[in-house]
PDB file of N, CA and C in Angstrom:
ATOM      1  N   MET A   1      46.284  87.459  92.559  1.00  0.00           N
ATOM      2  CA  MET A   1      45.573  86.956  93.728  1.00  0.00           C
ATOM      3  C   MET A   1      44.615  88.080  94.296  1.00  0.00           C
ATOM      4  N   PRO A   2      43.324  87.774  94.427  1.00  0.00           N
ATOM      5  CA  PRO A   2      42.417  88.757  95.101  1.00  0.00           C
ATOM      6  C   PRO A   2      42.821  88.996  96.386  1.00  0.00           C
ATOM      7  N   LYS A   3      42.494  90.169  96.962  1.00  0.00           N
ATOM      8  CA  LYS A   3      42.750  90.573  98.263  1.00  0.00           C
ATOM      9  C   LYS A   3      41.324  90.716  99.002  1.00  0.00           C
ATOM     10  N   LEU A   4      41.373  90.398 100.333  1.00  0.00           N
ATOM     11  CA  LEU A   4      40.232  90.877 100.981  1.00  0.00           C
ATOM     12  C   LEU A   4      39.963  92.366 101.237  1.00  0.00           C
ATOM     13  N   TYR A   5      38.826  92.882 101.159  1.00  0.00           N
ATOM     14  CA  TYR A   5      38.573  94.237 101.607  1.00  0.00           C
ATOM     15  C   TYR A   5      38.633  94.382 102.946  1.00  0.00           C
ATOM     16  N   ARG A   6      39.018  95.503 103.489  1.00  0.00           N
ATOM     17  CA  ARG A   6      39.073  95.868 104.985  1.00  0.00           C
ATOM     18  C   ARG A   6      37.554  96.046 105.274  1.00  0.00           C
ATOM     19  N   LEU A   7      36.987  95.361 106.100  1.00  0.00           N
ATOM     20  CA  LEU A   7      35.442  95.732 106.319  1.00  0.00           C
ATOM     21  C   LEU A   7      35.296  95.747 107.890  1.00  0.00           C
ATOM     22  N   SER A   8      34.263  96.406 108.362  1.00  0.00           N
ATOM     23  CA  SER A   8      33.783  96.537 109.575  1.00  0.00           C
ATOM     24  C   SER A   8      32.676  95.499 109.870  1.00  0.00           C
ATOM     25  N   GLY A   9      32.439  95.320 111.078  1.00  0.00           N
ATOM     26  CA  GLY A   9      31.353  94.252 111.444  1.00  0.00           C
ATOM     27  C   GLY A   9      29.985  94.795 110.882  1.00  0.00           C
ATOM     28  N   SER A  10      29.791  96.117 110.949  1.00  0.00           N
ATOM     29  CA  SER A  10      28.547  96.556 110.416  1.00  0.00           C
ATOM     30  C   SER A  10      28.286  96.444 108.949  1.00  0.00           C
ATOM     31  N   ALA A  11      29.492  96.519 108.274  1.00  0.00           N
ATOM     32  CA  ALA A  11      29.482  96.451 106.729  1.00  0.00           C
ATOM     33  C   ALA A  11      29.219  94.997 106.380  1.00  0.00           C
ATOM     34  N   VAL A  12      29.758  94.040 107.218  1.00  0.00           N
ATOM     35  CA  VAL A  12      29.454  92.641 106.915  1.00  0.00           C
ATOM     36  C   VAL A  12      28.022  92.288 107.313  1.00  0.00           C
ATOM     37  N   VAL A  13      27.529  92.987 108.381  1.00  0.00           N
ATOM     38  CA  VAL A  13      26.068  92.677 108.576  1.00  0.00           C
ATOM     39  C   VAL A  13      25.143  93.127 107.281  1.00  0.00           C
ATOM     40  N   ASN A  14      25.584  94.463 106.845  1.00  0.00           N
ATOM     41  CA  ASN A  14      24.774  95.117 105.724  1.00  0.00           C
ATOM     42  C   ASN A  14      24.962  94.055 104.492  1.00  0.00           C
ATOM     43  N   ILE A  15      25.990  93.457 104.202  1.00  0.00           N
ATOM     44  CA  ILE A  15      26.265  92.562 103.161  1.00  0.00           C
ATOM     45  C   ILE A  15      25.260  91.391 103.320  1.00  0.00           C
ATOM     46  N   LEU A  16      25.277  90.813 104.442  1.00  0.00           N
ATOM     47  CA  LEU A  16      24.490  89.619 104.740  1.00  0.00           C
ATOM     48  C   LEU A  16      22.921  89.907 104.708  1.00  0.00           C
ATOM     49  N   GLU A  17      22.649  91.090 105.184  1.00  0.00           N
ATOM     50  CA  GLU A  17      21.226  91.631 105.182  1.00  0.00           C
ATOM     51  C   GLU A  17      20.652  91.607 103.643  1.00  0.00           C
ATOM     52  N   SER A  18      21.481  91.990 102.787  1.00  0.00           N
ATOM     53  CA  SER A  18      21.098  92.014 101.370  1.00  0.00           C
ATOM     54  C   SER A  18      20.941  90.547 100.876  1.00  0.00           C
ATOM     55  N   PHE A  19      21.288  89.483 101.433  1.00  0.00           N
ATOM     56  CA  PHE A  19      21.069  88.162 101.211  1.00  0.00           C
ATOM     57  C   PHE A  19      19.893  87.476 102.034  1.00  0.00           C
ATOM     58  N   GLY A  20      19.183  88.290 102.770  1.00  0.00           N
ATOM     59  CA  GLY A  20      17.967  87.907 103.412  1.00  0.00           C
ATOM     60  C   GLY A  20      18.322  87.584 105.000  1.00  0.00           C
ATOM     61  N   PHE A  21      19.503  87.801 105.469  1.00  0.00           N
ATOM     62  CA  PHE A  21      19.652  87.550 106.925  1.00  0.00           C
ATOM     63  C   PHE A  21      19.280  88.861 107.601  1.00  0.00           C
ATOM     64  N   SER A  22      18.804  88.666 108.838  1.00  0.00           N
ATOM     65  CA  SER A  22      18.497  89.671 109.766  1.00  0.00           C
ATOM     66  C   SER A  22      19.036  89.455 111.144  1.00  0.00           C
ATOM     67  N   ILE A  23      19.135  90.596 111.951  1.00  0.00           N
ATOM     68  CA  ILE A  23      19.820  90.423 113.358  1.00  0.00           C
ATOM     69  C   ILE A  23      18.809  89.771 114.159  1.00  0.00           C
ATOM     70  N   HIS A  24      19.079  88.595 114.657  1.00  0.00           N
ATOM     71  CA  HIS A  24      18.292  87.776 115.486  1.00  0.00           C
ATOM     72  C   HIS A  24      18.376  88.329 116.955  1.00  0.00           C
ATOM     73  N   SER A  25      19.766  88.492 117.432  1.00  0.00           N
ATOM     74  CA  SER A  25      20.018  88.601 118.768  1.00  0.00           C
ATOM     75  C   SER A  25      21.434  89.351 118.726  1.00  0.00           C
ATOM     76  N   GLN A  26      21.485  90.047 119.797  1.00  0.00           N
ATOM     77  CA  GLN A  26      23.018  90.645 120.001  1.00  0.00           C
ATOM     78  C   GLN A  26      23.349  90.576 121.404  1.00  0.00           C
ATOM     79  N   LYS A  27      24.553  90.175 121.672  1.00  0.00           N
ATOM     80  CA  LYS A  27      25.231  90.180 123.179  1.00  0.00           C
ATOM     81  C   LYS A  27      26.454  90.739 123.112  1.00  0.00           C
ATOM     82  N   GLY A  28      26.612  91.840 123.701  1.00  0.00           N
ATOM     83  CA  GLY A  28      28.031  92.507 123.675  1.00  0.00           C
ATOM     84  C   GLY A  28      28.249  93.012 122.211  1.00  0.00           C
ATOM     85  N   SER A  29      29.397  92.616 121.934  1.00  0.00           N
ATOM     86  CA  SER A  29      29.838  93.228 120.588  1.00  0.00           C
ATOM     87  C   SER A  29      29.609  92.202 119.448  1.00  0.00           C
ATOM     88  N   HIS A  30      28.793  91.222 119.618  1.00  0.00           N
ATOM     89  CA  HIS A  30      28.610  90.286 118.649  1.00  0.00           C
ATOM     90  C   HIS A  30      27.249  90.182 118.340  1.00  0.00           C
ATOM     91  N   ALA A  31      26.789  90.229 117.072  1.00  0.00           N
ATOM     92  CA  ALA A  31      25.435  89.958 116.649  1.00  0.00           C
ATOM     93  C   ALA A  31      25.185  88.683 115.808  1.00  0.00           C
ATOM     94  N   LYS A  32      24.138  88.026 116.189  1.00  0.00           N
ATOM     95  CA  LYS A  32      23.638  86.659 115.599  1.00  0.00           C
ATOM     96  C   LYS A  32      22.676  87.080 114.422  1.00  0.00           C
ATOM     97  N   LEU A  33      22.931  86.712 113.287  1.00  0.00           N
ATOM     98  CA  LEU A  33      22.223  86.977 112.149  1.00  0.00           C
ATOM     99  C   LEU A  33      21.634  85.479 111.709  1.00  0.00           C
ATOM    100  N   ARG A  34      20.300  85.653 111.355  1.00  0.00           N
ATOM    101  CA  ARG A  34      19.544  84.256 111.047  1.00  0.00           C
ATOM    102  C   ARG A  34      18.604  84.687 109.798  1.00  0.00           C
ATOM    103  N   ARG A  35      18.501  83.435 108.997  1.00  0.00           N
ATOM    104  CA  ARG A  35      17.557  83.594 108.034  1.00  0.00           C
ATOM    105  C   ARG A  35      17.023  82.162 108.107  1.00  0.00           C
ATOM    106  N   ILE A  36      15.710  82.022 107.428  1.00  0.00           N
ATOM    107  CA  ILE A  36      15.194  80.766 107.150  1.00  0.00           C
ATOM    108  C   ILE A  36      15.570  80.226 105.763  1.00  0.00           C
ATOM    109  N   GLY A  37      16.156  79.151 105.653  1.00  0.00           N
ATOM    110  CA  GLY A  37      16.628  78.695 104.168  1.00  0.00           C
ATOM    111  C   GLY A  37      15.650  77.802 103.723  1.00  0.00           C
ATOM    112  N   PRO A  38      15.996  76.960 102.716  1.00  0.00           N
ATOM    113  CA  PRO A  38      15.278  75.959 102.054  1.00  0.00           C
ATOM    114  C   PRO A  38      14.775  74.773 103.021  1.00  0.00           C
ATOM    115  N   ASN A  39      13.699  74.474 102.836  1.00  0.00           N
ATOM    116  CA  ASN A  39      13.244  73.363 103.777  1.00  0.00           C
ATOM    117  C   ASN A  39      12.937  73.997 105.479  1.00  0.00           C
ATOM    118  N   SER A  40      12.748  75.073 105.356  1.00  0.00           N
ATOM    119  CA  SER A  40      12.579  75.794 106.748  1.00  0.00           C
ATOM    120  C   SER A  40      13.600  75.591 107.634  1.00  0.00           C
ATOM    121  N   ARG A  41      15.019  75.517 107.285  1.00  0.00           N
ATOM    122  CA  ARG A  41      16.044  75.271 108.033  1.00  0.00           C
ATOM    123  C   ARG A  41      16.717  76.566 108.475  1.00  0.00           C
ATOM    124  N   LYS A  42      16.853  76.773 109.739  1.00  0.00           N
ATOM    125  CA  LYS A  42      17.515  78.133 110.342  1.00  0.00           C
ATOM    126  C   LYS A  42      19.048  78.101 109.753  1.00  0.00           C
ATOM    127  N   GLN A  43      19.508  79.258 109.253  1.00  0.00           N
ATOM    128  CA  GLN A  43      20.768  79.453 108.811  1.00  0.00           C
ATOM    129  C   GLN A  43      21.198  80.646 109.782  1.00  0.00           C
ATOM    130  N   THR A  44      22.406  80.419 110.537  1.00  0.00           N
ATOM    131  CA  THR A  44      22.817  81.351 111.564  1.00  0.00           C
ATOM    132  C   THR A  44      24.337  81.555 111.315  1.00  0.00           C
ATOM    133  N   LEU A  45      24.549  82.926 111.552  1.00  0.00           N
ATOM    134  CA  LEU A  45      26.013  83.479 111.510  1.00  0.00           C
ATOM    135  C   LEU A  45      26.320  84.404 112.600  1.00  0.00           C
ATOM    136  N   THR A  46      27.398  84.414 113.150  1.00  0.00           N
ATOM    137  CA  THR A  46      27.694  85.348 114.188  1.00  0.00           C
ATOM    138  C   THR A  46      28.836  86.252 113.733  1.00  0.00           C
ATOM    139  N   ILE A  47      28.503  87.514 113.948  1.00  0.00           N
ATOM    140  CA  ILE A  47      29.470  88.511 113.418  1.00  0.00           C
ATOM    141  C   ILE A  47      29.855  89.433 114.342  1.00  0.00           C
ATOM    142  N   PRO A  48      31.139  89.660 114.620  1.00  0.00           N
ATOM    143  CA  PRO A  48      31.695  90.694 115.680  1.00  0.00           C
ATOM    144  C   PRO A  48      31.330  92.097 115.114  1.00  0.00           C
ATOM    145  N   LEU A  49      31.025  92.898 115.807  1.00  0.00           N
ATOM    146  CA  LEU A  49      30.532  94.347 115.373  1.00  0.00           C
ATOM    147  C   LEU A  49      31.837  95.200 115.710  1.00  0.00           C
ATOM    148  N   HIS A  50      32.945  94.917 115.320  1.00  0.00           N
ATOM    149  CA  HIS A  50      34.161  95.771 115.511  1.00  0.00           C
ATOM    150  C   HIS A  50      34.279  96.774 114.522  1.00  0.00           C
ATOM    151  N   ARG A  51      35.146  97.731 114.727  1.00  0.00           N
ATOM    152  CA  ARG A  51      35.353  98.819 113.634  1.00  0.00           C
ATOM    153  C   ARG A  51      35.912  98.197 112.436  1.00  0.00           C
ATOM    154  N   GLU A  52      36.800  97.445 112.691  1.00  0.00           N
ATOM    155  CA  GLU A  52      37.709  96.777 111.505  1.00  0.00           C
ATOM    156  C   GLU A  52      37.923  95.266 111.803  1.00  0.00           C
ATOM    157  N   LEU A  53      37.542  94.436 111.110  1.00  0.00           N
ATOM    158  CA  LEU A  53      37.727  92.949 111.333  1.00  0.00           C
ATOM    159  C   LEU A  53      38.980  92.541 110.731  1.00  0.00           C
ATOM    160  N   ASP A  54      39.687  91.563 111.575  1.00  0.00           N
ATOM    161  CA  ASP A  54      40.932  90.859 111.054  1.00  0.00           C
ATOM    162  C   ASP A  54      40.682  90.254 109.824  1.00  0.00           C
ATOM    163  N   SER A  55      41.773  90.053 108.969  1.00  0.00           N
ATOM    164  CA  SER A  55      41.605  89.337 107.647  1.00  0.00           C
ATOM    165  C   SER A  55      41.243  87.844 107.947  1.00  0.00           C
ATOM    166  N   GLY A  56      41.650  87.353 109.055  1.00  0.00           N
ATOM    167  CA  GLY A  56      41.422  85.811 109.351  1.00  0.00           C
ATOM    168  C   GLY A  56      39.877  85.774 109.769  1.00  0.00           C
ATOM    169  N   THR A  57      39.365  86.659 110.464  1.00  0.00           N
ATOM    170  CA  THR A  57      38.052  86.719 110.911  1.00  0.00           C
ATOM    171  C   THR A  57      37.245  86.970 109.714  1.00  0.00           C
ATOM    172  N   LEU A  58      37.475  87.641 108.797  1.00  0.00           N
ATOM    173  CA  LEU A  58      36.790  87.939 107.499  1.00  0.00           C
ATOM    174  C   LEU A  58      36.710  86.650 106.615  1.00  0.00           C
ATOM    175  N   ARG A  59      37.995  85.992 106.522  1.00  0.00           N
ATOM    176  CA  ARG A  59      37.877  84.640 105.840  1.00  0.00           C
ATOM    177  C   ARG A  59      37.106  83.612 106.365  1.00  0.00           C
ATOM    178  N   ALA A  60      37.017  83.693 107.657  1.00  0.00           N
ATOM    179  CA  ALA A  60      36.217  82.615 108.435  1.00  0.00           C
ATOM    180  C   ALA A  60      34.644  82.945 108.204  1.00  0.00           C
ATOM    181  N   ILE A  61      34.265  84.234 108.329  1.00  0.00           N
ATOM    182  CA  ILE A  61      33.072  84.675 108.013  1.00  0.00           C
ATOM    183  C   ILE A  61      32.586  84.367 106.737  1.00  0.00           C
ATOM    184  N   PHE A  62      33.449  84.549 105.594  1.00  0.00           N
ATOM    185  CA  PHE A  62      33.226  84.256 104.335  1.00  0.00           C
ATOM    186  C   PHE A  62      32.988  82.799 104.061  1.00  0.00           C
ATOM    187  N   ARG A  63      33.868  81.993 104.653  1.00  0.00           N
ATOM    188  CA  ARG A  63      33.651  80.627 104.508  1.00  0.00           C
ATOM    189  C   ARG A  63      32.565  80.049 105.064  1.00  0.00           C
ATOM    190  N   GLN A  64      32.040  80.570 106.133  1.00  0.00           N
ATOM    191  CA  GLN A  64      30.808  80.040 106.856  1.00  0.00           C
ATOM    192  C   GLN A  64      29.574  80.549 106.062  1.00  0.00           C
ATOM    193  N   ALA A  65      29.665  81.834 105.447  1.00  0.00           N
ATOM    194  CA  ALA A  65      28.535  82.331 104.635  1.00  0.00           C
ATOM    195  C   ALA A  65      28.290  81.630 103.466  1.00  0.00           C
ATOM    196  N   SER A  66      29.485  80.935 102.890  1.00  0.00           N
ATOM    197  CA  SER A  66      29.560  80.258 101.625  1.00  0.00           C
ATOM    198  C   SER A  66      28.697  78.990 101.770  1.00  0.00           C
ATOM    199  N   GLN A  67      28.431  78.552 102.945  1.00  0.00           N
ATOM    200  CA  GLN A  67      27.543  77.437 103.045  1.00  0.00           C
ATOM    201  C   GLN A  67      26.219  77.646 102.721  1.00  0.00           C
ATOM    202  N   TYR A  68      25.729  78.889 102.692  1.00  0.00           N
ATOM    203  CA  TYR A  68      24.327  79.295 102.639  1.00  0.00           C
ATOM    204  C   TYR A  68      24.177  80.103 101.362  1.00  0.00           C
ATOM    205  N   ILE A  69      25.134  80.862 100.971  1.00  0.00           N
ATOM    206  CA  ILE A  69      25.113  81.782  99.910  1.00  0.00           C
ATOM    207  C   ILE A  69      26.118  81.425  98.668  1.00  0.00           C
ATOM    208  N   PRO A  70      25.618  81.435  97.461  1.00  0.00           N
ATOM    209  CA  PRO A  70      26.475  80.878  96.366  1.00  0.00           C
ATOM    210  C   PRO A  70      27.939  81.797  96.319  1.00  0.00           C
ATOM    211  N   ASP A  71      29.012  81.114  96.217  1.00  0.00           N
ATOM    212  CA  ASP A  71      30.195  81.740  96.171  1.00  0.00           C
ATOM    213  C   ASP A  71      30.358  82.881  95.088  1.00  0.00           C
ATOM    214  N   ASP A  72      29.937  82.665  94.024  1.00  0.00           N
ATOM    215  CA  ASP A  72      30.004  83.809  92.935  1.00  0.00           C
ATOM    216  C   ASP A  72      29.165  85.014  93.235  1.00  0.00           C
ATOM    217  N   GLU A  73      28.180  84.949  94.124  1.00  0.00           N
ATOM    218  CA  GLU A  73      27.562  86.085  94.632  1.00  0.00           C
ATOM    219  C   GLU A  73      28.132  86.849  95.685  1.00  0.00           C
ATOM    220  N   LEU A  74      28.669  86.038  96.680  1.00  0.00           N
ATOM    221  CA  LEU A  74      29.337  86.568  97.707  1.00  0.00           C
ATOM    222  C   LEU A  74      30.715  87.084  97.629  1.00  0.00           C
ATOM    223  N   ARG A  75      31.600  86.493  96.921  1.00  0.00           N
ATOM    224  CA  ARG A  75      32.880  86.743  96.685  1.00  0.00           C
ATOM    225  C   ARG A  75      33.261  88.271  96.263  1.00  0.00           C
ATOM    226  N   PRO A  76      32.387  88.827  95.380  1.00  0.00           N
ATOM    227  CA  PRO A  76      32.650  90.122  94.937  1.00  0.00           C
ATOM    228  C   PRO A  76      32.516  91.246  96.191  1.00  0.00           C
ATOM    229  N   ARG A  77      31.841  90.820  97.080  1.00  0.00           N
ATOM    230  CA  ARG A  77      31.706  91.766  98.153  1.00  0.00           C
ATOM    231  C   ARG A  77      32.651  91.694  99.363  1.00  0.00           C
ATOM    232  N   PHE A  78      33.386  90.619  99.176  1.00  0.00           N
ATOM    233  CA  PHE A  78      34.462  90.406 100.224  1.00  0.00           C
ATOM    234  C   PHE A  78      36.030  90.476  99.520  1.00  0.00           C
ATOM    235  N   TYR A  79      36.087  90.222  98.354  1.00  0.00           N
ATOM    236  CA  TYR A  79      37.422  90.028  97.630  1.00  0.00           C
ATOM    237  C   TYR A  79      37.459  91.126  96.398  1.00  0.00           C
ATOM    238  N   THR A  80      38.694  91.704  96.325  1.00  0.00           N
ATOM    239  CA  THR A  80      38.904  92.487  95.079  1.00  0.00           C
ATOM    240  C   THR A  80      38.992  91.759  93.848  1.00  0.00           C
ATOM    241  N   GLU A  81      38.977  92.355  92.629  1.00  0.00           N
ATOM    242  CA  GLU A  81      38.940  91.572  91.418  1.00  0.00           C
ATOM    243  C   GLU A  81      40.375  91.381  90.710  1.00  0.00           C
ATOM    244  N   GLU A  82      41.422  91.519  91.646  1.00  0.00           N
ATOM    245  CA  GLU A  82      42.690  91.255  91.069  1.00  0.00           C
ATOM    246  C   GLU A  82      43.070  89.930  90.441  1.00  0.00           C
TER     247      GLU A  82
END
């Protein structure tokens, strides 16, 4: 069974920036990332900028990002290959 990598908030932001997201705003320790998708629809994700994200938080971010990014492209960045 694949395991989640232990990622920081800034590492997740870097991963999502490689898929075209950019930081739209930041309030406290949370960054709002946004990109314009097909049909000019705004796609928004909120990422906590903590030193290390909990596994449940990472799974939730992965699940939300999977709405916008194909699973086979996103999964290797969040999960090991076991």
